[in-house]
Amino acid sequence: MQFSFLIIDSNEFSTKEILNLFEYFPNYFCAGVVKDNQTIANQITKLKPQLVFIQIPTKANESEIVFQTILELFQYIETVPYFIALAKTPNFALQAIQSGFSEYLTEPISMHQVGKALFKFEKRTPKKWISSICIKSYSDYQFVNLENIVYLKADNNTTDIQLMNGKTVNAYKTLKHFENTLPFYFLRIHKSYIVNINHVSRIHFSQSKCYINYNQALPFSLNYKDNIEAIIRKIEF
């Protein structure tokens, strides 16, 4: 089973250390790296990660903002991710746990620490995930396995869903609807396209092309640069 995680940390060095550690855990996919603590809620809502690493600021007033943000997330997010705090000292451990963090790791972070935290996360995470969707067209209902979806393309207020077998299923929903409801491994790369990252075989920046299964090229927009970088991190792993 594959899991997605988000890193919220303004320090590039410590972020790189965490990403390097995850090379030993290939079933984890980095959905994004966020440097601004002020956008925690927006990024979690947008990317829907299952696991979130947050660097706790050393200043008390800044750390309090982070803790308050996490507390508020529990009130309005339907599926709350598993929060792991990263800190330079143990000073904020109690506040972090009271705010909803499940783990509190002090730097330097070791592979052993991360491994233990991931083991606890997986024990508390439901094993069953959505594996198919139902596409309704008038009185016709089609059940589509998510693994078989290669990409989705906007067609006015409807969406064309391209499958591995070459078949196209038309859904009377907007691309925005699918962006908000599909699992984390479906990422929007263009105003007209969402791709299943497991079918991406190449990213060509100079041509702004995203290649699917080595033979089909879809355009991507720099407006979705964060998603493109997330796909690259997944391919690098």
Protein backbone atom coordinates (compact mmCIF):
# COMPACT_ATOMS: atom_id res chain seq x y z
CA MET A 1 0.00 0.00 0.00
CA GLN A 2 1.23 3.50 -0.82
CA PHE A 3 0.92 6.46 1.54
CA SER A 4 1.31 10.19 0.91
CA PHE A 5 3.07 12.65 3.17
CA LEU A 6 3.52 16.43 3.31
CA ILE A 7 6.50 18.30 4.79
CA ILE A 8 5.95 21.77 6.26
CA ASP A 9 9.38 23.24 6.99
CA SER A 10 11.10 26.49 5.96
CA ASN A 11 14.58 24.97 6.37
CA GLU A 12 15.77 23.40 3.12
CA PHE A 13 18.53 21.40 4.83
CA SER A 14 16.24 19.64 7.32
CA THR A 15 13.66 19.06 4.57
CA LYS A 16 16.29 17.36 2.43
CA GLU A 17 17.30 15.18 5.38
CA ILE A 18 13.72 13.93 5.79
CA LEU A 19 13.39 13.26 2.06
CA ASN A 20 16.67 11.34 2.10
CA LEU A 21 15.42 9.15 4.95
CA PHE A 22 12.31 8.29 2.96
CA GLU A 23 14.44 6.70 0.27
CA TYR A 24 14.41 3.70 2.63
CA PHE A 25 10.59 3.68 2.68
CA PRO A 26 9.58 3.42 -1.02
CA ASN A 27 5.88 2.95 -0.28
CA TYR A 28 5.70 6.59 0.84
CA PHE A 29 5.13 9.41 -1.64
CA CYS A 30 5.96 13.05 -0.91
CA ALA A 31 2.91 15.03 -2.03
CA GLY A 32 4.56 18.39 -1.35
CA VAL A 33 7.01 20.56 0.55
CA VAL A 34 5.64 23.76 2.09
CA LYS A 35 7.87 26.48 3.52
CA ASP A 36 5.19 28.80 4.90
CA ASN A 37 3.48 27.88 8.17
CA GLN A 38 0.69 30.33 7.35
CA THR A 39 -0.60 28.08 4.57
CA ILE A 40 -0.75 24.82 6.56
CA ALA A 41 -4.54 24.52 6.44
CA ASN A 42 -4.80 25.37 2.74
CA GLN A 43 -2.09 22.92 1.69
CA ILE A 44 -3.51 20.05 3.74
CA THR A 45 -6.99 20.65 2.31
CA LYS A 46 -5.60 20.85 -1.23
CA LEU A 47 -3.15 17.92 -1.20
CA LYS A 48 -5.04 15.56 1.14
CA PRO A 49 -1.91 13.90 2.61
CA GLN A 50 -2.29 10.99 5.00
CA LEU A 51 0.80 11.97 6.97
CA VAL A 52 2.14 15.47 7.76
CA PHE A 53 5.56 16.42 9.13
CA ILE A 54 5.63 19.93 10.63
CA GLN A 55 8.73 21.74 11.85
CA ILE A 56 7.86 23.47 15.13
CA PRO A 57 9.23 27.04 15.30
CA THR A 58 11.58 27.77 18.19
CA LYS A 59 9.79 31.02 19.09
CA ALA A 60 6.86 30.49 21.46
CA ASN A 61 4.47 32.87 19.67
CA GLU A 62 5.14 31.24 16.28
CA SER A 63 4.79 27.71 17.63
CA GLU A 64 1.48 28.68 19.27
CA ILE A 65 0.10 29.65 15.86
CA VAL A 66 1.02 26.21 14.50
CA PHE A 67 -0.62 24.41 17.43
CA GLN A 68 -3.78 26.51 17.11
CA THR A 69 -3.96 25.78 13.37
CA ILE A 70 -3.79 22.02 13.98
CA LEU A 71 -6.49 22.21 16.64
CA GLU A 72 -8.79 24.05 14.22
CA LEU A 73 -8.18 21.48 11.47
CA PHE A 74 -9.74 18.79 13.65
CA GLN A 75 -12.96 20.81 13.69
CA TYR A 76 -13.61 21.11 9.96
CA ILE A 77 -11.56 18.53 8.01
CA GLU A 78 -13.44 15.28 7.46
CA THR A 79 -10.31 13.09 7.31
CA VAL A 80 -7.54 14.47 9.50
CA PRO A 81 -4.00 13.34 8.63
CA TYR A 82 -1.51 11.86 11.08
CA PHE A 83 0.64 14.72 12.40
CA ILE A 84 4.31 14.33 13.33
CA ALA A 85 6.14 17.26 14.94
CA LEU A 86 9.80 17.92 14.18
CA ALA A 87 11.55 20.05 16.78
CA LYS A 88 14.99 21.19 17.85
CA THR A 89 14.17 20.81 21.57
CA PRO A 90 11.64 18.82 23.64
CA ASN A 91 10.20 22.07 25.06
CA PHE A 92 6.95 21.99 23.08
CA ALA A 93 6.23 18.25 23.31
CA LEU A 94 3.27 18.53 25.69
CA GLN A 95 1.64 21.35 23.70
CA ALA A 96 2.11 19.41 20.48
CA ILE A 97 0.39 16.27 21.80
CA GLN A 98 -2.43 18.35 23.30
CA SER A 99 -2.92 20.06 19.93
CA GLY A 100 -3.38 16.80 18.04
CA PHE A 101 0.13 15.68 17.06
CA SER A 102 0.63 11.93 17.29
CA GLU A 103 4.43 12.00 17.36
CA TYR A 104 7.09 14.45 18.53
CA LEU A 105 10.58 13.89 17.11
CA THR A 106 13.60 15.94 18.19
CA GLU A 107 16.47 16.66 15.83
CA PRO A 108 18.68 15.20 14.56
CA ILE A 109 16.07 12.83 13.15
CA SER A 110 17.31 9.27 12.66
CA MET A 111 16.02 6.54 10.38
CA HIS A 112 15.13 4.54 13.51
CA GLN A 113 12.90 7.38 14.78
CA VAL A 114 11.15 7.74 11.44
CA GLY A 115 10.72 3.97 11.12
CA LYS A 116 9.06 3.72 14.56
CA ALA A 117 6.78 6.67 13.77
CA LEU A 118 5.73 5.15 10.43
CA PHE A 119 5.06 1.79 12.09
CA LYS A 120 2.68 3.49 14.56
CA PHE A 121 1.06 5.45 11.73
CA GLU A 122 0.39 2.33 9.67
CA LYS A 123 -1.09 0.51 12.68
CA ARG A 124 -3.58 3.37 13.17
CA THR A 125 -4.39 3.78 9.47
CA PRO A 126 -7.34 1.89 7.93
CA LYS A 127 -6.18 -0.72 5.44
CA LYS A 128 -9.05 -0.25 3.04
CA TRP A 129 -9.01 2.69 0.65
CA ILE A 130 -11.37 3.63 -2.13
CA SER A 131 -10.45 1.45 -5.11
CA SER A 132 -13.16 2.33 -7.62
CA ILE A 133 -15.62 5.05 -8.52
CA CYS A 134 -19.12 4.93 -9.95
CA ILE A 135 -19.71 7.03 -13.08
CA LYS A 136 -23.37 7.84 -13.67
CA SER A 137 -24.76 8.81 -17.07
CA TYR A 138 -28.53 9.11 -16.91
CA SER A 139 -29.67 5.54 -15.98
CA ASP A 140 -26.30 3.98 -16.83
CA TYR A 141 -23.83 3.25 -14.00
CA GLN A 142 -20.23 2.31 -14.76
CA PHE A 143 -17.81 1.15 -12.06
CA VAL A 144 -14.23 2.13 -12.82
CA ASN A 145 -11.17 0.80 -11.01
CA LEU A 146 -8.95 3.75 -10.05
CA GLU A 147 -5.80 1.87 -11.00
CA ASN A 148 -7.10 1.63 -14.57
CA ILE A 149 -7.56 5.40 -14.94
CA VAL A 150 -4.64 6.95 -16.82
CA TYR A 151 -5.78 10.57 -16.93
CA LEU A 152 -8.85 12.80 -16.91
CA LYS A 153 -9.53 15.55 -19.43
CA ALA A 154 -11.95 18.45 -19.08
CA ASP A 155 -14.61 18.77 -21.76
CA ASN A 156 -16.65 21.88 -20.92
CA ASN A 157 -18.72 20.86 -17.87
CA THR A 158 -18.07 17.16 -18.31
CA THR A 159 -14.93 15.04 -17.95
CA ASP A 160 -13.47 12.38 -20.22
CA ILE A 161 -11.83 9.58 -18.23
CA GLN A 162 -9.14 7.76 -20.20
CA LEU A 163 -8.59 4.12 -19.22
CA MET A 164 -5.61 1.79 -19.71
CA ASN A 165 -7.48 -0.31 -22.29
CA GLY A 166 -7.97 2.76 -24.51
CA LYS A 167 -11.62 3.20 -23.60
CA THR A 168 -12.94 6.66 -22.69
CA VAL A 169 -15.69 7.06 -20.11
CA ASN A 170 -17.63 10.33 -20.07
CA ALA A 171 -18.65 11.68 -16.67
CA TYR A 172 -21.18 14.44 -16.09
CA LYS A 173 -18.96 16.08 -13.49
CA THR A 174 -16.41 18.87 -13.81
CA LEU A 175 -12.67 18.28 -13.58
CA LYS A 176 -12.73 20.34 -10.37
CA HIS A 177 -15.08 17.78 -8.82
CA PHE A 178 -12.60 14.98 -9.50
CA GLU A 179 -9.68 17.09 -8.31
CA ASN A 180 -11.40 17.41 -4.93
CA THR A 181 -12.55 13.80 -4.58
CA LEU A 182 -9.92 11.50 -6.12
CA PRO A 183 -7.09 10.07 -3.95
CA PHE A 184 -3.74 11.78 -3.55
CA TYR A 185 -2.08 9.99 -6.50
CA PHE A 186 -4.26 11.92 -8.94
CA LEU A 187 -2.73 15.35 -9.51
CA ARG A 188 -3.85 18.23 -11.67
CA ILE A 189 -1.13 19.36 -14.09
CA HIS A 190 -3.12 21.71 -16.35
CA LYS A 191 -6.50 23.45 -16.40
CA SER A 192 -7.70 20.58 -18.59
CA TYR A 193 -5.83 17.55 -17.21
CA ILE A 194 -5.51 15.41 -14.10
CA VAL A 195 -3.07 12.48 -14.27
CA ASN A 196 -2.67 9.28 -12.33
CA ILE A 197 0.96 9.72 -11.22
CA ASN A 198 1.52 5.96 -11.40
CA HIS A 199 1.24 6.20 -15.20
CA VAL A 200 3.65 9.13 -15.65
CA SER A 201 6.84 8.02 -17.41
CA ARG A 202 8.58 11.33 -18.20
CA ILE A 203 8.48 15.05 -17.46
CA HIS A 204 9.97 17.37 -20.12
CA PHE A 205 10.21 20.91 -18.71
CA SER A 206 11.49 22.70 -21.83
CA GLN A 207 8.49 21.38 -23.80
CA SER A 208 6.07 21.56 -20.85
CA LYS A 209 5.08 17.96 -21.54
CA CYS A 210 4.08 15.14 -19.22
CA TYR A 211 4.45 11.72 -20.86
CA ILE A 212 2.02 8.93 -20.05
CA ASN A 213 3.13 5.29 -20.29
CA TYR A 214 6.01 6.28 -22.60
CA ASN A 215 3.83 7.08 -25.59
CA GLN A 216 1.38 9.94 -24.99
CA ALA A 217 2.33 13.52 -24.14
CA LEU A 218 0.01 15.82 -22.20
CA PRO A 219 0.68 19.52 -21.67
CA PHE A 220 1.33 20.86 -18.18
CA SER A 221 1.11 24.41 -16.88
CA LEU A 222 3.54 26.15 -14.54
CA ASN A 223 0.48 27.14 -12.50
CA TYR A 224 0.66 23.55 -11.26
CA LYS A 225 4.43 23.52 -10.73
CA ASP A 226 4.10 22.17 -7.17
CA ASN A 227 2.22 19.12 -8.47
CA ILE A 228 4.79 18.55 -11.22
CA GLU A 229 7.59 18.64 -8.64
CA ALA A 230 5.66 16.16 -6.49
CA ILE A 231 5.48 13.78 -9.46
CA ILE A 232 9.22 14.14 -10.04
CA ARG A 233 9.95 13.29 -6.41
CA LYS A 234 7.80 10.18 -6.77
CA ILE A 235 9.61 9.10 -9.94
CA GLU A 236 13.02 9.75 -8.35
CA PHE A 237 12.18 7.45 -5.48
